[in-house]
Structure formats: structure tokens, C-alpha cells
């Protein structure tokens, strides 16, 4: 039981260390943003976050989403 606990703690500690290498080594380092809207690859594919898609849907007519919802019900 103790061996398993120590092994588990060692694996978790190694994973945390490897995940934070960039933050620990690079001066002013920080984790990359995980937001879809800030990913260059996603922007190149035309994929946006939900808030951006909702805003795009509302821009031509701010009431379009509300009216569509009202009509469907």
C-alpha cells in the first residue's frame, strides 16, 4: 500500500514538473491560453468560441436569435 502511494505521488510530481517546465525555466514564462478564440490554428480554420459565434449571429439583427427562439416555440 505504501509503495503504491509513493509511486503515485512520484508520478504526479514528475507530471507536474514536466507540465511546468516552460513556466519554471523561461523568465516571465506562463502557461499558454487554452481558449479557442486565442488559438492561431483554430482561427485559421474559422473556428470560434461560443460567445463569438453568438455575437456573430446577433450582429446583423440583434433580435434575430430571440425572434427565432420565439417562432420555434
PDB file of N, CA and C in Angstrom:
ATOM      1  N   UNK A   1       0.828  -1.192   0.000  1.00  0.00           N
ATOM      2  CA  UNK A   1       0.000   0.000   0.000  1.00  0.00           C
ATOM      3  C   UNK A   1       0.872   1.255   0.000  1.00  0.00           C
ATOM      4  N   UNK A   2       1.878   1.296   0.865  1.00  0.00           N
ATOM      5  CA  UNK A   2       2.761   2.457   0.949  1.00  0.00           C
ATOM      6  C   UNK A   2       3.560   2.611  -0.347  1.00  0.00           C
ATOM      7  N   UNK A   3       4.005   1.493  -0.921  1.00  0.00           N
ATOM      8  CA  UNK A   3       4.764   1.548  -2.173  1.00  0.00           C
ATOM      9  C   UNK A   3       3.914   2.151  -3.290  1.00  0.00           C
ATOM     10  N   UNK A   4       2.653   1.762  -3.340  1.00  0.00           N
ATOM     11  CA  UNK A   4       1.747   2.286  -4.360  1.00  0.00           C
ATOM     12  C   UNK A   4       1.532   3.786  -4.172  1.00  0.00           C
ATOM     13  N   UNK A   5       1.368   4.216  -2.942  1.00  0.00           N
ATOM     14  CA  UNK A   5       1.171   5.633  -2.646  1.00  0.00           C
ATOM     15  C   UNK A   5       2.407   6.440  -3.035  1.00  0.00           C
ATOM     16  N   UNK A   6       3.573   5.954  -2.698  1.00  0.00           N
ATOM     17  CA  UNK A   6       4.816   6.662  -3.033  1.00  0.00           C
ATOM     18  C   UNK A   6       5.004   6.707  -4.554  1.00  0.00           C
ATOM     19  N   UNK A   7       4.715   5.612  -5.226  1.00  0.00           N
ATOM     20  CA  UNK A   7       4.820   5.576  -6.681  1.00  0.00           C
ATOM     21  C   UNK A   7       3.857   6.568  -7.320  1.00  0.00           C
ATOM     22  N   UNK A   8       2.642   6.613  -6.819  1.00  0.00           N
ATOM     23  CA  UNK A   8       1.636   7.536  -7.338  1.00  0.00           C
ATOM     24  C   UNK A   8       2.070   8.976  -7.125  1.00  0.00           C
ATOM     25  N   UNK A   9       2.531   9.294  -5.934  1.00  0.00           N
ATOM     26  CA  UNK A   9       2.993  10.657  -5.658  1.00  0.00           C
ATOM     27  C   UNK A   9       4.183  11.024  -6.550  1.00  0.00           C
ATOM     28  N   UNK A  10       5.070  10.079  -6.802  1.00  0.00           N
ATOM     29  CA  UNK A  10       6.212  10.327  -7.677  1.00  0.00           C
ATOM     30  C   UNK A  10       5.782  10.605  -9.108  1.00  0.00           C
ATOM     31  N   UNK A  11       4.824   9.846  -9.599  1.00  0.00           N
ATOM     32  CA  UNK A  11       4.327  10.048 -10.960  1.00  0.00           C
ATOM     33  C   UNK A  11       3.629  11.403 -11.074  1.00  0.00           C
ATOM     34  N   UNK A  12       2.825  11.751 -10.104  1.00  0.00           N
ATOM     35  CA  UNK A  12       2.129  13.042 -10.127  1.00  0.00           C
ATOM     36  C   UNK A  12       3.136  14.185 -10.047  1.00  0.00           C
ATOM     37  N   UNK A  13       4.142  14.064  -9.183  1.00  0.00           N
ATOM     38  CA  UNK A  13       5.160  15.107  -9.062  1.00  0.00           C
ATOM     39  C   UNK A  13       5.935  15.259 -10.367  1.00  0.00           C
ATOM     40  N   UNK A  14       6.291  14.157 -11.021  1.00  0.00           N
ATOM     41  CA  UNK A  14       7.004  14.219 -12.299  1.00  0.00           C
ATOM     42  C   UNK A  14       6.139  14.872 -13.371  1.00  0.00           C
ATOM     43  N   UNK A  15       4.861  14.538 -13.399  1.00  0.00           N
ATOM     44  CA  UNK A  15       3.949  15.135 -14.377  1.00  0.00           C
ATOM     45  C   UNK A  15       3.824  16.639 -14.161  1.00  0.00           C
ATOM     46  N   UNK A  16       3.679  17.061 -12.924  1.00  0.00           N
ATOM     47  CA  UNK A  16       3.576  18.496 -12.622  1.00  0.00           C
ATOM     48  C   UNK A  16       4.854  19.225 -13.020  1.00  0.00           C
ATOM     49  N   UNK A  17       5.994  18.621 -12.757  1.00  0.00           N
ATOM     50  CA  UNK A  17       7.269  19.227 -13.124  1.00  0.00           C
ATOM     51  C   UNK A  17       7.387  19.364 -14.640  1.00  0.00           C
ATOM     52  N   UNK A  18       7.042  18.313 -15.366  1.00  0.00           N
ATOM     53  CA  UNK A  18       7.127  18.362 -16.818  1.00  0.00           C
ATOM     54  C   UNK A  18       6.137  19.350 -17.425  1.00  0.00           C
ATOM     55  N   UNK A  19       4.959  19.464 -16.835  1.00  0.00           N
ATOM     56  CA  UNK A  19       3.972  20.416 -17.339  1.00  0.00           C
ATOM     57  C   UNK A  19       4.375  21.869 -17.077  1.00  0.00           C
ATOM     58  N   UNK A  20       5.166  22.094 -16.057  1.00  0.00           N
ATOM     59  CA  UNK A  20       5.517  23.471 -15.697  1.00  0.00           C
ATOM     60  C   UNK A  20       6.935  23.863 -16.102  1.00  0.00           C
ATOM     61  N   UNK A  21       7.587  23.078 -16.958  1.00  0.00           N
ATOM     62  CA  UNK A  21       8.958  23.387 -17.377  1.00  0.00           C
ATOM     63  C   UNK A  21       9.032  24.783 -17.976  1.00  0.00           C
ATOM     64  N   UNK A  22       8.127  25.111 -18.849  1.00  0.00           N
ATOM     65  CA  UNK A  22       8.147  26.417 -19.509  1.00  0.00           C
ATOM     66  C   UNK A  22       8.001  27.544 -18.495  1.00  0.00           C
ATOM     67  N   UNK A  23       7.164  27.358 -17.512  1.00  0.00           N
ATOM     68  CA  UNK A  23       6.932  28.392 -16.506  1.00  0.00           C
ATOM     69  C   UNK A  23       8.145  28.540 -15.591  1.00  0.00           C
ATOM     70  N   UNK A  24       8.769  27.432 -15.243  1.00  0.00           N
ATOM     71  CA  UNK A  24       9.888  27.474 -14.309  1.00  0.00           C
ATOM     72  C   UNK A  24      11.185  27.960 -14.955  1.00  0.00           C
ATOM     73  N   UNK A  25      11.450  27.589 -16.199  1.00  0.00           N
ATOM     74  CA  UNK A  25      12.729  27.890 -16.832  1.00  0.00           C
ATOM     75  C   UNK A  25      12.741  29.262 -17.511  1.00  0.00           C
ATOM     76  N   UNK A  26      11.723  29.584 -18.254  1.00  0.00           N
ATOM     77  CA  UNK A  26      11.690  30.812 -19.028  1.00  0.00           C
ATOM     78  C   UNK A  26      11.374  32.001 -18.125  1.00  0.00           C
ATOM     79  N   UNK A  27      12.161  33.057 -18.254  1.00  0.00           N
ATOM     80  CA  UNK A  27      11.907  34.265 -17.467  1.00  0.00           C
ATOM     81  C   UNK A  27      10.588  34.882 -17.923  1.00  0.00           C
ATOM     82  N   UNK A  28       9.708  35.124 -16.992  1.00  0.00           N
ATOM     83  CA  UNK A  28       8.385  35.659 -17.321  1.00  0.00           C
ATOM     84  C   UNK A  28       7.507  34.630 -18.019  1.00  0.00           C
ATOM     85  N   UNK A  29       7.864  33.356 -17.892  1.00  0.00           N
ATOM     86  CA  UNK A  29       7.103  32.297 -18.551  1.00  0.00           C
ATOM     87  C   UNK A  29       5.730  32.119 -17.929  1.00  0.00           C
ATOM     88  N   UNK A  30       4.808  31.667 -18.730  1.00  0.00           N
ATOM     89  CA  UNK A  30       3.454  31.395 -18.243  1.00  0.00           C
ATOM     90  C   UNK A  30       2.816  30.331 -19.122  1.00  0.00           C
ATOM     91  N   UNK A  31       1.748  29.756 -18.650  1.00  0.00           N
ATOM     92  CA  UNK A  31       1.040  28.740 -19.403  1.00  0.00           C
ATOM     93  C   UNK A  31       0.344  29.390 -20.590  1.00  0.00           C
ATOM     94  N   UNK A  32       0.269  28.671 -21.687  1.00  0.00           N
ATOM     95  CA  UNK A  32      -0.439  29.175 -22.860  1.00  0.00           C
ATOM     96  C   UNK A  32      -1.931  29.201 -22.576  1.00  0.00           C
ATOM     97  N   UNK A  33      -2.606  30.105 -23.239  1.00  0.00           N
ATOM     98  CA  UNK A  33      -4.051  30.204 -23.095  1.00  0.00           C
ATOM     99  C   UNK A  33      -4.715  28.987 -23.724  1.00  0.00           C
ATOM    100  N   UNK A  34      -5.743  28.485 -23.111  1.00  0.00           N
ATOM    101  CA  UNK A  34      -6.462  27.327 -23.619  1.00  0.00           C
ATOM    102  C   UNK A  34      -7.775  27.719 -24.296  1.00  0.00           C
ATOM    103  N   UNK A  35      -8.008  29.020 -24.460  1.00  0.00           N
ATOM    104  CA  UNK A  35      -9.241  29.480 -25.087  1.00  0.00           C
ATOM    105  C   UNK A  35      -9.179  29.256 -26.594  1.00  0.00           C
ATOM    106  N   UNK A  36     -10.262  28.821 -27.163  1.00  0.00           N
ATOM    107  CA  UNK A  36     -10.315  28.528 -28.593  1.00  0.00           C
ATOM    108  C   UNK A  36     -10.083  29.787 -29.407  1.00  0.00           C
ATOM    109  N   UNK A  37     -10.637  30.892 -28.990  1.00  0.00           N
ATOM    110  CA  UNK A  37     -10.515  32.131 -29.739  1.00  0.00           C
ATOM    111  C   UNK A  37      -9.095  32.675 -29.802  1.00  0.00           C
ATOM    112  N   UNK A  38      -8.224  32.250 -28.925  1.00  0.00           N
ATOM    113  CA  UNK A  38      -6.852  32.740 -28.909  1.00  0.00           C
ATOM    114  C   UNK A  38      -5.881  31.768 -29.556  1.00  0.00           C
ATOM    115  N   UNK A  39      -6.369  30.691 -30.113  1.00  0.00           N
ATOM    116  CA  UNK A  39      -5.531  29.698 -30.773  1.00  0.00           C
ATOM    117  C   UNK A  39      -5.404  30.040 -32.255  1.00  0.00           C
ATOM    118  N   UNK A  40      -4.173  30.192 -32.729  1.00  0.00           N
ATOM    119  CA  UNK A  40      -3.944  30.555 -34.130  1.00  0.00           C
ATOM    120  C   UNK A  40      -4.480  29.468 -35.069  1.00  0.00           C
ATOM    121  N   UNK A  41      -4.268  28.212 -34.733  1.00  0.00           N
ATOM    122  CA  UNK A  41      -4.727  27.114 -35.587  1.00  0.00           C
ATOM    123  C   UNK A  41      -6.249  27.114 -35.713  1.00  0.00           C
ATOM    124  N   UNK A  42      -6.940  27.382 -34.625  1.00  0.00           N
ATOM    125  CA  UNK A  42      -8.411  27.411 -34.674  1.00  0.00           C
ATOM    126  C   UNK A  42      -8.899  28.612 -35.484  1.00  0.00           C
ATOM    127  N   UNK A  43      -8.237  29.752 -35.329  1.00  0.00           N
ATOM    128  CA  UNK A  43      -8.630  30.932 -36.111  1.00  0.00           C
ATOM    129  C   UNK A  43      -8.434  30.682 -37.598  1.00  0.00           C
ATOM    130  N   UNK A  44      -7.329  30.011 -37.972  1.00  0.00           N
ATOM    131  CA  UNK A  44      -7.076  29.706 -39.382  1.00  0.00           C
ATOM    132  C   UNK A  44      -8.154  28.791 -39.955  1.00  0.00           C
ATOM    133  N   UNK A  45      -8.714  27.933 -39.135  1.00  0.00           N
ATOM    134  CA  UNK A  45      -9.782  27.031 -39.579  1.00  0.00           C
ATOM    135  C   UNK A  45     -11.156  27.678 -39.519  1.00  0.00           C
ATOM    136  N   UNK A  46     -11.236  28.890 -38.963  1.00  0.00           N
ATOM    137  CA  UNK A  46     -12.513  29.587 -38.868  1.00  0.00           C
ATOM    138  C   UNK A  46     -13.364  29.128 -37.706  1.00  0.00           C
ATOM    139  N   UNK A  47     -12.737  28.509 -36.711  1.00  0.00           N
ATOM    140  CA  UNK A  47     -13.471  28.028 -35.542  1.00  0.00           C
ATOM    141  C   UNK A  47     -13.372  29.087 -34.444  1.00  0.00           C
ATOM    142  N   UNK A  48     -14.508  29.479 -33.901  1.00  0.00           N
ATOM    143  CA  UNK A  48     -14.561  30.499 -32.864  1.00  0.00           C
ATOM    144  C   UNK A  48     -15.185  29.927 -31.600  1.00  0.00           C
ATOM    145  N   UNK A  49     -15.052  30.655 -30.510  1.00  0.00           N
ATOM    146  CA  UNK A  49     -15.676  30.223 -29.266  1.00  0.00           C
ATOM    147  C   UNK A  49     -17.187  30.490 -29.336  1.00  0.00           C
ATOM    148  N   UNK A  50     -17.897  29.961 -28.403  1.00  0.00           N
ATOM    149  CA  UNK A  50     -19.356  30.075 -28.397  1.00  0.00           C
ATOM    150  C   UNK A  50     -19.795  31.526 -28.292  1.00  0.00           C
ATOM    151  N   UNK A  51     -19.122  32.314 -27.454  1.00  0.00           N
ATOM    152  CA  UNK A  51     -19.508  33.712 -27.305  1.00  0.00           C
ATOM    153  C   UNK A  51     -19.338  34.474 -28.613  1.00  0.00           C
ATOM    154  N   UNK A  52     -18.250  34.210 -29.344  1.00  0.00           N
ATOM    155  CA  UNK A  52     -18.027  34.889 -30.618  1.00  0.00           C
ATOM    156  C   UNK A  52     -19.069  34.470 -31.644  1.00  0.00           C
ATOM    157  N   UNK A  53     -19.426  33.197 -31.674  1.00  0.00           N
ATOM    158  CA  UNK A  53     -20.435  32.728 -32.613  1.00  0.00           C
ATOM    159  C   UNK A  53     -21.792  33.342 -32.296  1.00  0.00           C
ATOM    160  N   UNK A  54     -22.103  33.472 -31.020  1.00  0.00           N
ATOM    161  CA  UNK A  54     -23.364  34.091 -30.624  1.00  0.00           C
ATOM    162  C   UNK A  54     -23.382  35.557 -31.035  1.00  0.00           C
ATOM    163  N   UNK A  55     -22.269  36.257 -30.838  1.00  0.00           N
ATOM    164  CA  UNK A  55     -22.181  37.658 -31.230  1.00  0.00           C
ATOM    165  C   UNK A  55     -22.345  37.803 -32.738  1.00  0.00           C
ATOM    166  N   UNK A  56     -21.693  36.935 -33.502  1.00  0.00           N
ATOM    167  CA  UNK A  56     -21.822  36.977 -34.957  1.00  0.00           C
ATOM    168  C   UNK A  56     -23.263  36.739 -35.383  1.00  0.00           C
ATOM    169  N   UNK A  57     -23.954  35.853 -34.701  1.00  0.00           N
ATOM    170  CA  UNK A  57     -25.348  35.574 -35.047  1.00  0.00           C
ATOM    171  C   UNK A  57     -26.242  36.752 -34.730  1.00  0.00           C
ATOM    172  N   UNK A  58     -25.882  37.551 -33.733  1.00  0.00           N
ATOM    173  CA  UNK A  58     -26.717  38.681 -33.328  1.00  0.00           C
ATOM    174  C   UNK A  58     -26.390  39.976 -34.069  1.00  0.00           C
ATOM    175  N   UNK A  59     -25.216  40.091 -34.676  1.00  0.00           N
ATOM    176  CA  UNK A  59     -24.805  41.351 -35.287  1.00  0.00           C
ATOM    177  C   UNK A  59     -25.743  41.861 -36.380  1.00  0.00           C
ATOM    178  N   UNK A  60     -26.116  41.060 -37.374  1.00  0.00           N
ATOM    179  CA  UNK A  60     -26.985  41.609 -38.418  1.00  0.00           C
ATOM    180  C   UNK A  60     -28.314  42.103 -37.854  1.00  0.00           C
ATOM    181  N   UNK A  61     -28.873  41.379 -36.937  1.00  0.00           N
ATOM    182  CA  UNK A  61     -30.145  41.760 -36.331  1.00  0.00           C
ATOM    183  C   UNK A  61     -30.098  41.329 -34.872  1.00  0.00           C
ATOM    184  N   UNK A  62     -29.966  42.273 -33.933  1.00  0.00           N
ATOM    185  CA  UNK A  62     -29.843  41.905 -32.523  1.00  0.00           C
ATOM    186  C   UNK A  62     -30.998  41.056 -31.999  1.00  0.00           C
ATOM    187  N   UNK A  63     -32.158  41.156 -32.614  1.00  0.00           N
ATOM    188  CA  UNK A  63     -33.308  40.399 -32.140  1.00  0.00           C
ATOM    189  C   UNK A  63     -33.479  39.077 -32.877  1.00  0.00           C
ATOM    190  N   UNK A  64     -32.615  38.782 -33.840  1.00  0.00           N
ATOM    191  CA  UNK A  64     -32.791  37.600 -34.680  1.00  0.00           C
ATOM    192  C   UNK A  64     -32.824  36.312 -33.863  1.00  0.00           C
ATOM    193  N   UNK A  65     -31.930  36.178 -32.913  1.00  0.00           N
ATOM    194  CA  UNK A  65     -31.883  34.953 -32.114  1.00  0.00           C
ATOM    195  C   UNK A  65     -33.127  34.844 -31.245  1.00  0.00           C
ATOM    196  N   UNK A  66     -33.531  35.944 -30.642  1.00  0.00           N
ATOM    197  CA  UNK A  66     -34.713  35.937 -29.781  1.00  0.00           C
ATOM    198  C   UNK A  66     -35.973  35.665 -30.611  1.00  0.00           C
ATOM    199  N   UNK A  67     -36.080  36.283 -31.773  1.00  0.00           N
ATOM    200  CA  UNK A  67     -37.247  36.072 -32.620  1.00  0.00           C
ATOM    201  C   UNK A  67     -37.309  34.622 -33.111  1.00  0.00           C
ATOM    202  N   UNK A  68     -36.171  34.071 -33.489  1.00  0.00           N
ATOM    203  CA  UNK A  68     -36.143  32.691 -33.950  1.00  0.00           C
ATOM    204  C   UNK A  68     -36.580  31.754 -32.847  1.00  0.00           C
ATOM    205  N   UNK A  69     -36.103  32.005 -31.613  1.00  0.00           N
ATOM    206  CA  UNK A  69     -36.479  31.180 -30.486  1.00  0.00           C
ATOM    207  C   UNK A  69     -37.987  31.290 -30.237  1.00  0.00           C
ATOM    208  N   UNK A  70     -38.536  32.496 -30.344  1.00  0.00           N
ATOM    209  CA  UNK A  70     -39.948  32.711 -30.106  1.00  0.00           C
ATOM    210  C   UNK A  70     -40.799  32.004 -31.175  1.00  0.00           C
ATOM    211  N   UNK A  71     -40.327  32.038 -32.411  1.00  0.00           N
ATOM    212  CA  UNK A  71     -41.066  31.401 -33.508  1.00  0.00           C
ATOM    213  C   UNK A  71     -41.057  29.878 -33.350  1.00  0.00           C
ATOM    214  N   UNK A  72     -39.893  29.329 -32.934  1.00  0.00           N
ATOM    215  CA  UNK A  72     -39.792  27.878 -32.772  1.00  0.00           C
ATOM    216  C   UNK A  72     -40.677  27.366 -31.661  1.00  0.00           C
ATOM    217  N   UNK A  73     -40.930  28.181 -30.641  1.00  0.00           N
ATOM    218  CA  UNK A  73     -41.776  27.734 -29.523  1.00  0.00           C
ATOM    219  C   UNK A  73     -43.194  28.043 -29.853  1.00  0.00           C
TER     220      UNK A  73
END
